[in-house]
């Protein structure tokens, strides 16, 4: 699935989980999915523990994290070159 389409699965709403990025229509944050994966959970374990999620939801969380890191990296380069 194209990254733009994946990113549409992420919602930022100040009324949901204090505005943290979540999988659209859920209260599952991108952060908790990243924590699970970083601690060694497999994709199947994530999906088993969050039965409302789809495989593309987990991919969306990864795509969102990648976009945030890329944006921060560009911002830092821009500031350092002044």
PDB file of N, CA and C in Angstrom:
ATOM      1  N   UNK A   1       0.858  -1.185   0.000  1.00  0.00           N
ATOM      2  CA  UNK A   1       0.000   0.000   0.000  1.00  0.00           C
ATOM      3  C   UNK A   1       0.895   1.237   0.000  1.00  0.00           C
ATOM      4  N   UNK A   2       0.531   2.238  -0.779  1.00  0.00           N
ATOM      5  CA  UNK A   2       1.308   3.474  -0.866  1.00  0.00           C
ATOM      6  C   UNK A   2       1.333   4.186   0.487  1.00  0.00           C
ATOM      7  N   UNK A   3       2.457   4.834   0.756  1.00  0.00           N
ATOM      8  CA  UNK A   3       2.633   5.487   2.056  1.00  0.00           C
ATOM      9  C   UNK A   3       1.533   6.508   2.349  1.00  0.00           C
ATOM     10  N   UNK A   4       1.162   7.295   1.349  1.00  0.00           N
ATOM     11  CA  UNK A   4       0.125   8.312   1.568  1.00  0.00           C
ATOM     12  C   UNK A   4      -1.183   7.660   2.016  1.00  0.00           C
ATOM     13  N   UNK A   5      -1.516   6.541   1.413  1.00  0.00           N
ATOM     14  CA  UNK A   5      -2.730   5.824   1.779  1.00  0.00           C
ATOM     15  C   UNK A   5      -2.607   5.267   3.198  1.00  0.00           C
ATOM     16  N   UNK A   6      -1.416   4.759   3.535  1.00  0.00           N
ATOM     17  CA  UNK A   6      -1.192   4.257   4.900  1.00  0.00           C
ATOM     18  C   UNK A   6      -1.354   5.390   5.916  1.00  0.00           C
ATOM     19  N   UNK A   7      -0.791   6.546   5.602  1.00  0.00           N
ATOM     20  CA  UNK A   7      -0.843   7.664   6.553  1.00  0.00           C
ATOM     21  C   UNK A   7      -2.271   8.144   6.795  1.00  0.00           C
ATOM     22  N   UNK A   8      -3.169   7.888   5.854  1.00  0.00           N
ATOM     23  CA  UNK A   8      -4.576   8.237   6.065  1.00  0.00           C
ATOM     24  C   UNK A   8      -5.221   7.403   7.169  1.00  0.00           C
ATOM     25  N   UNK A   9      -4.568   6.314   7.552  1.00  0.00           N
ATOM     26  CA  UNK A   9      -5.078   5.455   8.620  1.00  0.00           C
ATOM     27  C   UNK A   9      -4.742   6.023  10.004  1.00  0.00           C
ATOM     28  N   UNK A  10      -3.900   7.051  10.043  1.00  0.00           N
ATOM     29  CA  UNK A  10      -3.482   7.668  11.302  1.00  0.00           C
ATOM     30  C   UNK A  10      -4.312   8.915  11.541  1.00  0.00           C
ATOM     31  N   UNK A  11      -4.762   9.062  12.775  1.00  0.00           N
ATOM     32  CA  UNK A  11      -5.595  10.207  13.147  1.00  0.00           C
ATOM     33  C   UNK A  11      -4.930  10.978  14.275  1.00  0.00           C
ATOM     34  N   UNK A  12      -4.942  12.297  14.145  1.00  0.00           N
ATOM     35  CA  UNK A  12      -4.489  13.202  15.211  1.00  0.00           C
ATOM     36  C   UNK A  12      -5.688  14.050  15.608  1.00  0.00           C
ATOM     37  N   UNK A  13      -6.204  13.800  16.797  1.00  0.00           N
ATOM     38  CA  UNK A  13      -7.409  14.492  17.263  1.00  0.00           C
ATOM     39  C   UNK A  13      -7.218  14.805  18.736  1.00  0.00           C
ATOM     40  N   UNK A  14      -7.247  16.093  19.115  1.00  0.00           N
ATOM     41  CA  UNK A  14      -7.020  16.450  20.515  1.00  0.00           C
ATOM     42  C   UNK A  14      -8.025  15.813  21.479  1.00  0.00           C
ATOM     43  N   UNK A  15      -9.142  15.339  20.950  1.00  0.00           N
ATOM     44  CA  UNK A  15     -10.163  14.723  21.806  1.00  0.00           C
ATOM     45  C   UNK A  15      -9.961  13.215  21.980  1.00  0.00           C
ATOM     46  N   UNK A  16      -8.979  12.670  21.277  1.00  0.00           N
ATOM     47  CA  UNK A  16      -8.706  11.228  21.358  1.00  0.00           C
ATOM     48  C   UNK A  16      -7.275  11.029  21.860  1.00  0.00           C
ATOM     49  N   UNK A  17      -7.135  10.386  22.990  1.00  0.00           N
ATOM     50  CA  UNK A  17      -5.825  10.069  23.569  1.00  0.00           C
ATOM     51  C   UNK A  17      -4.924  11.311  23.659  1.00  0.00           C
ATOM     52  N   UNK A  18      -5.534  12.436  24.054  1.00  0.00           N
ATOM     53  CA  UNK A  18      -4.813  13.694  24.257  1.00  0.00           C
ATOM     54  C   UNK A  18      -4.071  14.167  23.004  1.00  0.00           C
ATOM     55  N   UNK A  19      -4.595  13.814  21.844  1.00  0.00           N
ATOM     56  CA  UNK A  19      -4.006  14.271  20.595  1.00  0.00           C
ATOM     57  C   UNK A  19      -2.850  13.437  20.080  1.00  0.00           C
ATOM     58  N   UNK A  20      -2.535  12.344  20.764  1.00  0.00           N
ATOM     59  CA  UNK A  20      -1.470  11.467  20.272  1.00  0.00           C
ATOM     60  C   UNK A  20      -1.940  10.821  18.970  1.00  0.00           C
ATOM     61  N   UNK A  21      -1.004  10.503  18.083  1.00  0.00           N
ATOM     62  CA  UNK A  21      -1.408   9.823  16.846  1.00  0.00           C
ATOM     63  C   UNK A  21      -1.935   8.424  17.165  1.00  0.00           C
ATOM     64  N   UNK A  22      -3.110   8.120  16.617  1.00  0.00           N
ATOM     65  CA  UNK A  22      -3.752   6.825  16.844  1.00  0.00           C
ATOM     66  C   UNK A  22      -4.154   6.225  15.505  1.00  0.00           C
ATOM     67  N   UNK A  23      -4.420   4.927  15.529  1.00  0.00           N
ATOM     68  CA  UNK A  23      -5.001   4.284  14.359  1.00  0.00           C
ATOM     69  C   UNK A  23      -6.444   4.764  14.274  1.00  0.00           C
ATOM     70  N   UNK A  24      -6.819   5.297  13.139  1.00  0.00           N
ATOM     71  CA  UNK A  24      -8.150   5.885  12.948  1.00  0.00           C
ATOM     72  C   UNK A  24      -9.249   4.950  13.436  1.00  0.00           C
ATOM     73  N   UNK A  25     -10.164   5.522  14.224  1.00  0.00           N
ATOM     74  CA  UNK A  25     -11.303   4.765  14.726  1.00  0.00           C
ATOM     75  C   UNK A  25     -10.999   3.921  15.954  1.00  0.00           C
ATOM     76  N   UNK A  26      -9.771   4.059  16.491  1.00  0.00           N
ATOM     77  CA  UNK A  26      -9.396   3.304  17.689  1.00  0.00           C
ATOM     78  C   UNK A  26      -8.769   4.257  18.700  1.00  0.00           C
ATOM     79  N   UNK A  27      -8.400   3.709  19.827  1.00  0.00           N
ATOM     80  CA  UNK A  27      -7.622   4.441  20.821  1.00  0.00           C
ATOM     81  C   UNK A  27      -6.226   3.829  20.943  1.00  0.00           C
ATOM     82  N   UNK A  28      -5.826   3.088  19.922  1.00  0.00           N
ATOM     83  CA  UNK A  28      -4.506   2.460  19.898  1.00  0.00           C
ATOM     84  C   UNK A  28      -3.514   3.471  19.324  1.00  0.00           C
ATOM     85  N   UNK A  29      -2.550   3.865  20.140  1.00  0.00           N
ATOM     86  CA  UNK A  29      -1.599   4.886  19.697  1.00  0.00           C
ATOM     87  C   UNK A  29      -0.482   4.282  18.856  1.00  0.00           C
ATOM     88  N   UNK A  30       0.051   5.125  17.990  1.00  0.00           N
ATOM     89  CA  UNK A  30       1.231   4.744  17.216  1.00  0.00           C
ATOM     90  C   UNK A  30       2.343   4.367  18.182  1.00  0.00           C
ATOM     91  N   UNK A  31       2.480   5.124  19.255  1.00  0.00           N
ATOM     92  CA  UNK A  31       3.535   4.875  20.232  1.00  0.00           C
ATOM     93  C   UNK A  31       3.473   3.485  20.835  1.00  0.00           C
ATOM     94  N   UNK A  32       2.286   3.017  21.190  1.00  0.00           N
ATOM     95  CA  UNK A  32       2.186   1.690  21.808  1.00  0.00           C
ATOM     96  C   UNK A  32       2.538   0.615  20.791  1.00  0.00           C
ATOM     97  N   UNK A  33       2.151   0.805  19.541  1.00  0.00           N
ATOM     98  CA  UNK A  33       2.515  -0.176  18.519  1.00  0.00           C
ATOM     99  C   UNK A  33       4.029  -0.212  18.316  1.00  0.00           C
ATOM    100  N   UNK A  34       4.656   0.950  18.297  1.00  0.00           N
ATOM    101  CA  UNK A  34       6.110   1.005  18.163  1.00  0.00           C
ATOM    102  C   UNK A  34       6.793   0.360  19.366  1.00  0.00           C
ATOM    103  N   UNK A  35       6.258   0.585  20.564  1.00  0.00           N
ATOM    104  CA  UNK A  35       6.811  -0.058  21.768  1.00  0.00           C
ATOM    105  C   UNK A  35       6.742  -1.572  21.655  1.00  0.00           C
ATOM    106  N   UNK A  36       5.600  -2.079  21.226  1.00  0.00           N
ATOM    107  CA  UNK A  36       5.447  -3.528  21.060  1.00  0.00           C
ATOM    108  C   UNK A  36       6.497  -4.072  20.093  1.00  0.00           C
ATOM    109  N   UNK A  37       6.611  -3.442  18.932  1.00  0.00           N
ATOM    110  CA  UNK A  37       7.543  -3.916  17.914  1.00  0.00           C
ATOM    111  C   UNK A  37       8.994  -3.795  18.390  1.00  0.00           C
ATOM    112  N   UNK A  38       9.314  -2.696  19.053  1.00  0.00           N
ATOM    113  CA  UNK A  38      10.680  -2.494  19.550  1.00  0.00           C
ATOM    114  C   UNK A  38      11.048  -3.497  20.632  1.00  0.00           C
ATOM    115  N   UNK A  39      10.043  -3.974  21.362  1.00  0.00           N
ATOM    116  CA  UNK A  39      10.333  -4.951  22.417  1.00  0.00           C
ATOM    117  C   UNK A  39      10.374  -6.381  21.883  1.00  0.00           C
ATOM    118  N   UNK A  40      10.189  -6.526  20.563  1.00  0.00           N
ATOM    119  CA  UNK A  40      10.353  -7.837  19.960  1.00  0.00           C
ATOM    120  C   UNK A  40       9.089  -8.556  19.542  1.00  0.00           C
ATOM    121  N   UNK A  41       7.918  -7.924  19.742  1.00  0.00           N
ATOM    122  CA  UNK A  41       6.686  -8.568  19.295  1.00  0.00           C
ATOM    123  C   UNK A  41       6.723  -8.731  17.784  1.00  0.00           C
ATOM    124  N   UNK A  42       6.197  -9.850  17.324  1.00  0.00           N
ATOM    125  CA  UNK A  42       6.025 -10.034  15.883  1.00  0.00           C
ATOM    126  C   UNK A  42       4.756  -9.322  15.443  1.00  0.00           C
ATOM    127  N   UNK A  43       4.622  -9.153  14.149  1.00  0.00           N
ATOM    128  CA  UNK A  43       3.403  -8.561  13.608  1.00  0.00           C
ATOM    129  C   UNK A  43       2.185  -9.376  14.039  1.00  0.00           C
ATOM    130  N   UNK A  44       2.323 -10.684  14.011  1.00  0.00           N
ATOM    131  CA  UNK A  44       1.214 -11.555  14.404  1.00  0.00           C
ATOM    132  C   UNK A  44       0.841 -11.361  15.876  1.00  0.00           C
ATOM    133  N   UNK A  45       1.839 -11.169  16.744  1.00  0.00           N
ATOM    134  CA  UNK A  45       1.558 -10.925  18.159  1.00  0.00           C
ATOM    135  C   UNK A  45       0.826  -9.596  18.350  1.00  0.00           C
ATOM    136  N   UNK A  46       1.240  -8.586  17.622  1.00  0.00           N
ATOM    137  CA  UNK A  46       0.563  -7.286  17.704  1.00  0.00           C
ATOM    138  C   UNK A  46      -0.900  -7.452  17.307  1.00  0.00           C
ATOM    139  N   UNK A  47      -1.129  -8.118  16.192  1.00  0.00           N
ATOM    140  CA  UNK A  47      -2.504  -8.289  15.701  1.00  0.00           C
ATOM    141  C   UNK A  47      -3.334  -9.159  16.640  1.00  0.00           C
ATOM    142  N   UNK A  48      -2.732 -10.150  17.236  1.00  0.00           N
ATOM    143  CA  UNK A  48      -3.450 -11.010  18.179  1.00  0.00           C
ATOM    144  C   UNK A  48      -3.847 -10.226  19.445  1.00  0.00           C
ATOM    145  N   UNK A  49      -2.982  -9.326  19.881  1.00  0.00           N
ATOM    146  CA  UNK A  49      -3.258  -8.544  21.089  1.00  0.00           C
ATOM    147  C   UNK A  49      -4.113  -7.310  20.834  1.00  0.00           C
ATOM    148  N   UNK A  50      -4.263  -6.945  19.588  1.00  0.00           N
ATOM    149  CA  UNK A  50      -5.117  -5.814  19.190  1.00  0.00           C
ATOM    150  C   UNK A  50      -6.019  -6.303  18.053  1.00  0.00           C
ATOM    151  N   UNK A  51      -7.021  -7.102  18.375  1.00  0.00           N
ATOM    152  CA  UNK A  51      -7.801  -7.783  17.334  1.00  0.00           C
ATOM    153  C   UNK A  51      -8.560  -6.863  16.373  1.00  0.00           C
ATOM    154  N   UNK A  52      -8.774  -5.614  16.732  1.00  0.00           N
ATOM    155  CA  UNK A  52      -9.471  -4.688  15.822  1.00  0.00           C
ATOM    156  C   UNK A  52      -8.550  -4.154  14.734  1.00  0.00           C
ATOM    157  N   UNK A  53      -7.248  -4.332  14.911  1.00  0.00           N
ATOM    158  CA  UNK A  53      -6.298  -3.783  13.941  1.00  0.00           C
ATOM    159  C   UNK A  53      -6.094  -4.718  12.763  1.00  0.00           C
ATOM    160  N   UNK A  54      -5.741  -4.118  11.659  1.00  0.00           N
ATOM    161  CA  UNK A  54      -5.363  -4.846  10.457  1.00  0.00           C
ATOM    162  C   UNK A  54      -3.859  -4.703  10.246  1.00  0.00           C
ATOM    163  N   UNK A  55      -3.325  -5.568   9.441  1.00  0.00           N
ATOM    164  CA  UNK A  55      -1.895  -5.524   9.117  1.00  0.00           C
ATOM    165  C   UNK A  55      -1.493  -4.132   8.617  1.00  0.00           C
ATOM    166  N   UNK A  56      -2.310  -3.533   7.754  1.00  0.00           N
ATOM    167  CA  UNK A  56      -1.993  -2.199   7.235  1.00  0.00           C
ATOM    168  C   UNK A  56      -1.999  -1.127   8.320  1.00  0.00           C
ATOM    169  N   UNK A  57      -2.715  -1.342   9.421  1.00  0.00           N
ATOM    170  CA  UNK A  57      -2.683  -0.383  10.533  1.00  0.00           C
ATOM    171  C   UNK A  57      -1.289  -0.352  11.163  1.00  0.00           C
ATOM    172  N   UNK A  58      -0.691  -1.517  11.320  1.00  0.00           N
ATOM    173  CA  UNK A  58       0.665  -1.579  11.882  1.00  0.00           C
ATOM    174  C   UNK A  58       1.653  -0.960  10.899  1.00  0.00           C
ATOM    175  N   UNK A  59       1.494  -1.256   9.616  1.00  0.00           N
ATOM    176  CA  UNK A  59       2.351  -0.633   8.601  1.00  0.00           C
ATOM    177  C   UNK A  59       2.166   0.885   8.605  1.00  0.00           C
ATOM    178  N   UNK A  60       0.951   1.343   8.844  1.00  0.00           N
ATOM    179  CA  UNK A  60       0.680   2.786   8.906  1.00  0.00           C
ATOM    180  C   UNK A  60       1.434   3.426  10.072  1.00  0.00           C
ATOM    181  N   UNK A  61       1.463   2.745  11.218  1.00  0.00           N
ATOM    182  CA  UNK A  61       2.198   3.266  12.372  1.00  0.00           C
ATOM    183  C   UNK A  61       3.680   3.400  12.039  1.00  0.00           C
ATOM    184  N   UNK A  62       4.233   2.414  11.352  1.00  0.00           N
ATOM    185  CA  UNK A  62       5.640   2.483  10.947  1.00  0.00           C
ATOM    186  C   UNK A  62       5.873   3.599   9.937  1.00  0.00           C
ATOM    187  N   UNK A  63       4.962   3.751   8.997  1.00  0.00           N
ATOM    188  CA  UNK A  63       5.088   4.822   8.002  1.00  0.00           C
ATOM    189  C   UNK A  63       5.011   6.192   8.674  1.00  0.00           C
ATOM    190  N   UNK A  64       4.131   6.320   9.665  1.00  0.00           N
ATOM    191  CA  UNK A  64       4.010   7.589  10.384  1.00  0.00           C
ATOM    192  C   UNK A  64       5.319   7.897  11.120  1.00  0.00           C
ATOM    193  N   UNK A  65       5.862   6.902  11.797  1.00  0.00           N
ATOM    194  CA  UNK A  65       7.121   7.102  12.523  1.00  0.00           C
ATOM    195  C   UNK A  65       8.234   7.493  11.561  1.00  0.00           C
ATOM    196  N   UNK A  66       8.301   6.831  10.408  1.00  0.00           N
ATOM    197  CA  UNK A  66       9.311   7.166   9.418  1.00  0.00           C
ATOM    198  C   UNK A  66       9.170   8.609   8.946  1.00  0.00           C
ATOM    199  N   UNK A  67       7.921   9.048   8.739  1.00  0.00           N
ATOM    200  CA  UNK A  67       7.705  10.416   8.256  1.00  0.00           C
ATOM    201  C   UNK A  67       8.090  11.450   9.315  1.00  0.00           C
ATOM    202  N   UNK A  68       7.842  11.140  10.570  1.00  0.00           N
ATOM    203  CA  UNK A  68       8.216  12.064  11.650  1.00  0.00           C
ATOM    204  C   UNK A  68       9.738  12.166  11.745  1.00  0.00           C
ATOM    205  N   UNK A  69      10.424  11.050  11.672  1.00  0.00           N
ATOM    206  CA  UNK A  69      11.888  11.055  11.730  1.00  0.00           C
ATOM    207  C   UNK A  69      12.468  11.818  10.540  1.00  0.00           C
ATOM    208  N   UNK A  70      11.927  11.585   9.354  1.00  0.00           N
ATOM    209  CA  UNK A  70      12.417  12.282   8.159  1.00  0.00           C
ATOM    210  C   UNK A  70      12.196  13.785   8.279  1.00  0.00           C
ATOM    211  N   UNK A  71      11.030  14.184   8.770  1.00  0.00           N
ATOM    212  CA  UNK A  71      10.719  15.614   8.927  1.00  0.00           C
ATOM    213  C   UNK A  71      11.668  16.247   9.938  1.00  0.00           C
ATOM    214  N   UNK A  72      11.915  15.560  11.046  1.00  0.00           N
ATOM    215  CA  UNK A  72      12.819  16.086  12.076  1.00  0.00           C
ATOM    216  C   UNK A  72      14.240  16.196  11.528  1.00  0.00           C
ATOM    217  N   UNK A  73      14.654  15.215  10.764  1.00  0.00           N
ATOM    218  CA  UNK A  73      15.985  15.242  10.174  1.00  0.00           C
ATOM    219  C   UNK A  73      16.140  16.424   9.227  1.00  0.00           C
ATOM    220  N   UNK A  74      15.129  16.664   8.379  1.00  0.00           N
ATOM    221  CA  UNK A  74      15.168  17.821   7.469  1.00  0.00           C
ATOM    222  C   UNK A  74      15.191  19.123   8.253  1.00  0.00           C
ATOM    223  N   UNK A  75      14.405  19.201   9.316  1.00  0.00           N
ATOM    224  CA  UNK A  75      14.343  20.421  10.120  1.00  0.00           C
ATOM    225  C   UNK A  75      15.703  20.712  10.752  1.00  0.00           C
ATOM    226  N   UNK A  76      16.355  19.690  11.265  1.00  0.00           N
ATOM    227  CA  UNK A  76      17.670  19.887  11.887  1.00  0.00           C
ATOM    228  C   UNK A  76      18.724  20.305  10.863  1.00  0.00           C
ATOM    229  N   UNK A  77      18.666  19.694   9.678  1.00  0.00           N
ATOM    230  CA  UNK A  77      19.622  20.085   8.629  1.00  0.00           C
ATOM    231  C   UNK A  77      19.417  21.542   8.239  1.00  0.00           C
ATOM    232  N   UNK A  78      18.168  21.958   8.119  1.00  0.00           N
ATOM    233  CA  UNK A  78      17.853  23.325   7.739  1.00  0.00           C
ATOM    234  C   UNK A  78      18.366  24.291   8.803  1.00  0.00           C
ATOM    235  N   UNK A  79      18.172  23.949  10.072  1.00  0.00           N
ATOM    236  CA  UNK A  79      18.646  24.828  11.144  1.00  0.00           C
ATOM    237  C   UNK A  79      20.154  24.900  11.190  1.00  0.00           C
ATOM    238  N   UNK A  80      20.840  23.781  10.931  1.00  0.00           N
ATOM    239  CA  UNK A  80      22.302  23.776  11.042  1.00  0.00           C
ATOM    240  C   UNK A  80      22.971  24.497   9.876  1.00  0.00           C
ATOM    241  N   UNK A  81      22.278  24.593   8.747  1.00  0.00           N
ATOM    242  CA  UNK A  81      22.867  25.306   7.604  1.00  0.00           C
ATOM    243  C   UNK A  81      22.452  26.761   7.588  1.00  0.00           C
ATOM    244  N   UNK A  82      21.510  27.097   8.467  1.00  0.00           N
ATOM    245  CA  UNK A  82      21.076  28.442   8.733  1.00  0.00           C
ATOM    246  C   UNK A  82      20.629  29.220   7.599  1.00  0.00           C
TER     247      UNK A  82
END
